[in-house]
N, C-alpha and C. Protein backbone atom coordinates (compact mmCIF):
# COMPACT_ATOMS: atom_id res chain seq x y z
N MET A 1 -113.31 19.78 -46.28
CA MET A 1 -114.30 19.11 -47.11
C MET A 1 -113.59 18.63 -48.38
N ASN A 2 -113.62 17.35 -48.63
CA ASN A 2 -112.90 16.77 -49.76
C ASN A 2 -113.69 16.78 -51.06
N ASP A 3 -114.98 16.92 -51.00
CA ASP A 3 -115.84 16.86 -52.17
C ASP A 3 -115.83 18.19 -52.91
N LYS A 4 -115.37 18.20 -54.16
CA LYS A 4 -115.31 19.43 -54.96
C LYS A 4 -116.69 20.06 -55.12
N TRP A 5 -117.73 19.24 -55.09
CA TRP A 5 -119.10 19.72 -55.31
C TRP A 5 -119.79 20.04 -53.99
N LEU A 6 -119.06 20.04 -52.90
CA LEU A 6 -119.54 20.46 -51.59
C LEU A 6 -120.77 19.71 -51.12
N GLY A 7 -120.76 18.39 -51.28
CA GLY A 7 -121.81 17.57 -50.71
C GLY A 7 -122.87 17.12 -51.69
N SER A 8 -123.05 17.80 -52.78
CA SER A 8 -124.05 17.40 -53.78
C SER A 8 -123.33 17.06 -55.08
N PRO A 9 -123.36 15.80 -55.51
CA PRO A 9 -122.68 15.44 -56.75
C PRO A 9 -123.30 16.16 -57.94
N PRO A 10 -122.51 16.38 -59.00
CA PRO A 10 -123.01 17.14 -60.15
C PRO A 10 -124.30 16.60 -60.74
N PHE A 11 -124.47 15.27 -60.77
CA PHE A 11 -125.70 14.73 -61.37
C PHE A 11 -126.94 15.11 -60.57
N MET A 12 -126.76 15.56 -59.32
CA MET A 12 -127.90 16.01 -58.52
C MET A 12 -128.07 17.53 -58.57
N ILE A 13 -126.98 18.27 -58.43
CA ILE A 13 -127.09 19.73 -58.32
C ILE A 13 -127.38 20.40 -59.66
N LEU A 14 -126.80 19.91 -60.75
CA LEU A 14 -126.98 20.57 -62.04
C LEU A 14 -128.44 20.60 -62.51
N PRO A 15 -129.18 19.50 -62.46
CA PRO A 15 -130.60 19.59 -62.85
C PRO A 15 -131.39 20.54 -61.95
N ARG A 16 -131.06 20.59 -60.67
CA ARG A 16 -131.76 21.50 -59.76
C ARG A 16 -131.48 22.96 -60.13
N LEU A 17 -130.24 23.25 -60.46
CA LEU A 17 -129.90 24.62 -60.86
C LEU A 17 -130.56 24.99 -62.18
N ARG A 18 -130.61 24.02 -63.13
CA ARG A 18 -131.29 24.28 -64.41
C ARG A 18 -132.78 24.55 -64.19
N SER A 19 -133.39 23.79 -63.31
CA SER A 19 -134.80 23.97 -63.01
C SER A 19 -135.06 25.33 -62.37
N LEU A 20 -134.18 25.72 -61.43
CA LEU A 20 -134.30 27.04 -60.81
C LEU A 20 -134.18 28.13 -61.86
N LEU A 21 -133.19 28.02 -62.74
CA LEU A 21 -133.00 29.02 -63.79
C LEU A 21 -134.24 29.10 -64.69
N ALA A 22 -134.78 27.96 -65.09
CA ALA A 22 -135.96 27.96 -65.96
C ALA A 22 -137.15 28.64 -65.28
N ASP A 23 -137.35 28.34 -64.00
CA ASP A 23 -138.45 28.96 -63.26
C ASP A 23 -138.27 30.47 -63.17
N LEU A 24 -137.06 30.91 -62.85
CA LEU A 24 -136.80 32.35 -62.72
C LEU A 24 -136.93 33.06 -64.06
N GLU A 25 -136.47 32.42 -65.14
CA GLU A 25 -136.63 33.02 -66.47
C GLU A 25 -138.10 33.16 -66.83
N GLN A 26 -138.90 32.18 -66.49
CA GLN A 26 -140.33 32.25 -66.78
C GLN A 26 -140.99 33.38 -65.98
N LEU A 27 -140.59 33.53 -64.72
CA LEU A 27 -141.14 34.60 -63.90
C LEU A 27 -140.74 35.99 -64.40
N ALA A 28 -139.60 36.07 -65.07
CA ALA A 28 -139.10 37.36 -65.56
C ALA A 28 -139.83 37.86 -66.81
N VAL A 29 -140.60 37.01 -67.45
CA VAL A 29 -141.35 37.41 -68.64
C VAL A 29 -142.48 38.33 -68.22
N PRO A 30 -142.55 39.56 -68.77
CA PRO A 30 -143.62 40.49 -68.40
C PRO A 30 -145.00 39.86 -68.59
N GLY A 31 -145.83 39.99 -67.59
CA GLY A 31 -147.19 39.47 -67.65
C GLY A 31 -147.30 37.99 -67.36
N SER A 32 -146.19 37.34 -67.10
CA SER A 32 -146.20 35.90 -66.84
C SER A 32 -146.62 35.63 -65.40
N HIS A 33 -147.51 34.70 -65.23
CA HIS A 33 -147.96 34.28 -63.90
C HIS A 33 -148.01 32.76 -63.86
N PRO A 34 -146.84 32.12 -63.95
CA PRO A 34 -146.84 30.66 -63.98
C PRO A 34 -147.32 30.07 -62.66
N VAL A 35 -148.02 28.97 -62.76
CA VAL A 35 -148.48 28.26 -61.57
C VAL A 35 -147.74 26.92 -61.55
N PRO A 36 -146.91 26.71 -60.54
CA PRO A 36 -146.16 25.44 -60.47
C PRO A 36 -147.10 24.25 -60.38
N ASN A 37 -146.65 23.12 -60.93
CA ASN A 37 -147.43 21.88 -60.88
C ASN A 37 -147.48 21.31 -59.47
N GLU A 38 -146.35 21.39 -58.80
CA GLU A 38 -146.27 20.82 -57.45
C GLU A 38 -145.97 21.92 -56.46
N LEU A 39 -146.81 22.04 -55.44
CA LEU A 39 -146.61 23.03 -54.39
C LEU A 39 -146.60 22.35 -53.05
N VAL A 40 -145.82 22.89 -52.14
CA VAL A 40 -145.79 22.41 -50.76
C VAL A 40 -146.40 23.52 -49.91
N ASP A 41 -147.38 23.17 -49.10
CA ASP A 41 -147.96 24.15 -48.18
C ASP A 41 -147.03 24.36 -47.01
N ILE A 42 -146.90 25.61 -46.57
CA ILE A 42 -146.08 25.93 -45.40
C ILE A 42 -146.86 26.92 -44.55
N ARG A 43 -146.99 26.62 -43.26
CA ARG A 43 -147.74 27.47 -42.35
C ARG A 43 -146.79 28.09 -41.34
N ASN A 44 -147.21 29.21 -40.77
CA ASN A 44 -146.42 29.88 -39.74
C ASN A 44 -144.98 30.08 -40.18
N CYS A 45 -144.80 30.48 -41.42
CA CYS A 45 -143.45 30.60 -41.96
C CYS A 45 -142.91 32.02 -41.79
N PHE A 46 -141.60 32.13 -41.88
CA PHE A 46 -140.91 33.42 -41.83
C PHE A 46 -139.60 33.27 -42.59
N VAL A 47 -139.03 34.39 -43.00
CA VAL A 47 -137.76 34.38 -43.69
C VAL A 47 -136.65 34.24 -42.66
N ALA A 48 -135.73 33.34 -42.91
CA ALA A 48 -134.61 33.08 -42.00
C ALA A 48 -133.32 33.00 -42.80
N SER A 49 -132.22 32.92 -42.12
CA SER A 49 -130.91 32.74 -42.76
C SER A 49 -130.30 31.44 -42.27
N ARG A 50 -129.48 30.85 -43.12
CA ARG A 50 -128.74 29.67 -42.72
C ARG A 50 -127.34 29.75 -43.29
N ALA A 51 -126.44 29.05 -42.68
CA ALA A 51 -125.05 29.08 -43.14
C ALA A 51 -124.91 28.29 -44.43
N VAL A 52 -124.16 28.83 -45.36
CA VAL A 52 -123.81 28.14 -46.59
C VAL A 52 -122.31 28.31 -46.81
N PRO A 53 -121.67 27.39 -47.53
CA PRO A 53 -120.25 27.55 -47.79
C PRO A 53 -119.98 28.79 -48.64
N CYS A 54 -118.92 29.50 -48.30
CA CYS A 54 -118.50 30.67 -49.06
C CYS A 54 -116.99 30.82 -48.86
N LEU A 55 -116.40 31.77 -49.53
CA LEU A 55 -114.99 32.08 -49.34
C LEU A 55 -114.88 33.47 -48.72
N MET A 56 -113.89 33.63 -47.85
CA MET A 56 -113.58 34.94 -47.28
C MET A 56 -112.10 35.18 -47.54
N GLY A 57 -111.76 36.41 -47.89
CA GLY A 57 -110.36 36.72 -48.12
C GLY A 57 -110.17 38.07 -48.75
N GLU A 58 -108.93 38.34 -49.14
CA GLU A 58 -108.58 39.59 -49.82
C GLU A 58 -108.84 39.42 -51.31
N MET A 59 -109.76 40.19 -51.84
CA MET A 59 -110.14 40.07 -53.24
C MET A 59 -109.46 41.16 -54.07
N SER A 60 -109.21 40.82 -55.32
CA SER A 60 -108.74 41.83 -56.27
C SER A 60 -109.28 41.49 -57.65
N GLY A 61 -109.69 42.49 -58.36
CA GLY A 61 -110.21 42.30 -59.71
C GLY A 61 -111.69 41.99 -59.80
N HIS A 62 -112.42 42.12 -58.70
CA HIS A 62 -113.86 41.88 -58.74
C HIS A 62 -114.50 43.02 -59.54
N PRO A 63 -115.45 42.69 -60.42
CA PRO A 63 -116.02 43.73 -61.29
C PRO A 63 -116.87 44.78 -60.57
N SER A 64 -117.40 44.47 -59.39
CA SER A 64 -118.27 45.46 -58.75
C SER A 64 -117.93 45.74 -57.28
N ILE A 65 -116.90 45.11 -56.75
CA ILE A 65 -116.49 45.33 -55.37
C ILE A 65 -115.04 45.78 -55.37
N LYS A 66 -114.73 46.82 -54.60
CA LYS A 66 -113.36 47.30 -54.58
C LYS A 66 -112.43 46.27 -53.97
N ASP A 67 -111.16 46.34 -54.35
CA ASP A 67 -110.16 45.41 -53.84
C ASP A 67 -110.07 45.52 -52.32
N GLY A 68 -109.89 44.38 -51.67
CA GLY A 68 -109.78 44.35 -50.23
C GLY A 68 -110.53 43.15 -49.67
N PRO A 69 -110.77 43.16 -48.36
CA PRO A 69 -111.45 42.02 -47.74
C PRO A 69 -112.87 41.87 -48.25
N GLY A 70 -113.31 40.61 -48.37
CA GLY A 70 -114.67 40.37 -48.83
C GLY A 70 -115.11 38.95 -48.59
N ILE A 71 -116.38 38.72 -48.83
CA ILE A 71 -117.01 37.41 -48.69
C ILE A 71 -117.75 37.13 -49.99
N THR A 72 -117.61 35.91 -50.49
CA THR A 72 -118.28 35.55 -51.74
C THR A 72 -119.74 35.15 -51.48
N SER A 73 -120.46 34.98 -52.56
CA SER A 73 -121.79 34.38 -52.47
C SER A 73 -121.62 32.87 -52.25
N GLU A 74 -122.71 32.14 -52.25
CA GLU A 74 -122.68 30.70 -51.96
C GLU A 74 -121.73 29.96 -52.89
N LEU A 75 -120.93 29.11 -52.30
CA LEU A 75 -119.93 28.33 -53.01
C LEU A 75 -120.55 27.04 -53.52
N PHE A 76 -120.39 26.77 -54.83
CA PHE A 76 -120.94 25.56 -55.42
C PHE A 76 -119.87 24.56 -55.83
N TYR A 77 -118.63 25.02 -56.05
CA TYR A 77 -117.57 24.14 -56.52
C TYR A 77 -116.25 24.64 -55.98
N LEU A 78 -115.41 23.70 -55.52
CA LEU A 78 -114.11 24.07 -54.97
C LEU A 78 -113.11 23.00 -55.36
N ASP A 79 -112.06 23.38 -56.10
CA ASP A 79 -111.04 22.45 -56.55
C ASP A 79 -109.69 22.93 -56.01
N GLY A 80 -109.23 22.29 -54.93
CA GLY A 80 -107.98 22.68 -54.30
C GLY A 80 -106.77 22.45 -55.17
N LYS A 81 -106.77 21.40 -56.00
CA LYS A 81 -105.63 21.13 -56.88
C LYS A 81 -105.49 22.21 -57.94
N ARG A 82 -106.59 22.56 -58.57
CA ARG A 82 -106.56 23.58 -59.63
C ARG A 82 -106.65 24.99 -59.06
N LYS A 83 -106.91 25.10 -57.75
CA LYS A 83 -107.02 26.38 -57.05
C LYS A 83 -108.10 27.26 -57.68
N LEU A 84 -109.26 26.63 -57.91
CA LEU A 84 -110.41 27.31 -58.51
C LEU A 84 -111.64 27.10 -57.65
N ALA A 85 -112.50 28.08 -57.65
CA ALA A 85 -113.78 27.97 -56.96
C ALA A 85 -114.85 28.64 -57.81
N ARG A 86 -116.08 28.13 -57.71
CA ARG A 86 -117.20 28.74 -58.45
C ARG A 86 -118.31 29.02 -57.46
N THR A 87 -118.72 30.27 -57.39
CA THR A 87 -119.86 30.65 -56.57
C THR A 87 -121.07 30.77 -57.48
N LEU A 88 -122.16 31.18 -56.92
CA LEU A 88 -123.37 31.37 -57.71
C LEU A 88 -123.13 32.34 -58.86
N SER A 89 -122.29 33.35 -58.65
CA SER A 89 -122.16 34.41 -59.65
C SER A 89 -120.87 34.43 -60.45
N ARG A 90 -119.77 33.81 -59.96
CA ARG A 90 -118.52 33.92 -60.71
C ARG A 90 -117.47 32.91 -60.25
N TRP A 91 -116.39 32.86 -61.03
CA TRP A 91 -115.23 32.04 -60.71
C TRP A 91 -114.25 32.82 -59.85
N TYR A 92 -113.52 32.12 -58.98
CA TYR A 92 -112.45 32.70 -58.17
C TYR A 92 -111.22 31.83 -58.28
N ARG A 93 -110.06 32.47 -58.22
CA ARG A 93 -108.78 31.75 -58.23
C ARG A 93 -108.08 32.09 -56.92
N PHE A 94 -107.58 31.08 -56.23
CA PHE A 94 -106.83 31.33 -55.00
C PHE A 94 -105.41 30.80 -55.19
N ASP A 95 -104.57 31.65 -55.82
CA ASP A 95 -103.21 31.27 -56.17
C ASP A 95 -102.38 30.80 -54.98
N GLU A 96 -102.58 31.39 -53.84
CA GLU A 96 -101.79 31.04 -52.66
C GLU A 96 -102.41 29.88 -51.89
N GLY A 97 -103.43 29.28 -52.43
CA GLY A 97 -104.07 28.15 -51.77
C GLY A 97 -105.04 28.59 -50.67
N LEU A 98 -105.64 27.60 -50.06
CA LEU A 98 -106.57 27.84 -48.97
C LEU A 98 -105.82 27.81 -47.64
N ILE A 99 -106.25 28.60 -46.72
CA ILE A 99 -105.64 28.61 -45.40
C ILE A 99 -106.27 27.50 -44.56
């Protein structure tokens, strides 16, 4: 995949992430019961999983996972030249490059 933003250009993904953050922050306020302006009805629904880009490899220096093999959370940015990646929760450096 050649796109550093993994299919969604920054002008599209950043406002969506800001909106998600604002909604979650509002929900986190004790006693808050916000009602969204726009709702989509969904019937016969269930929780499912789908594949999202992530990194797998030998990790070291993660603040809450011991060193060794691991899988990251969803990948939002990947720069092969700078050897940097950003997931939902943190930055990663892959000094030896991608396999």
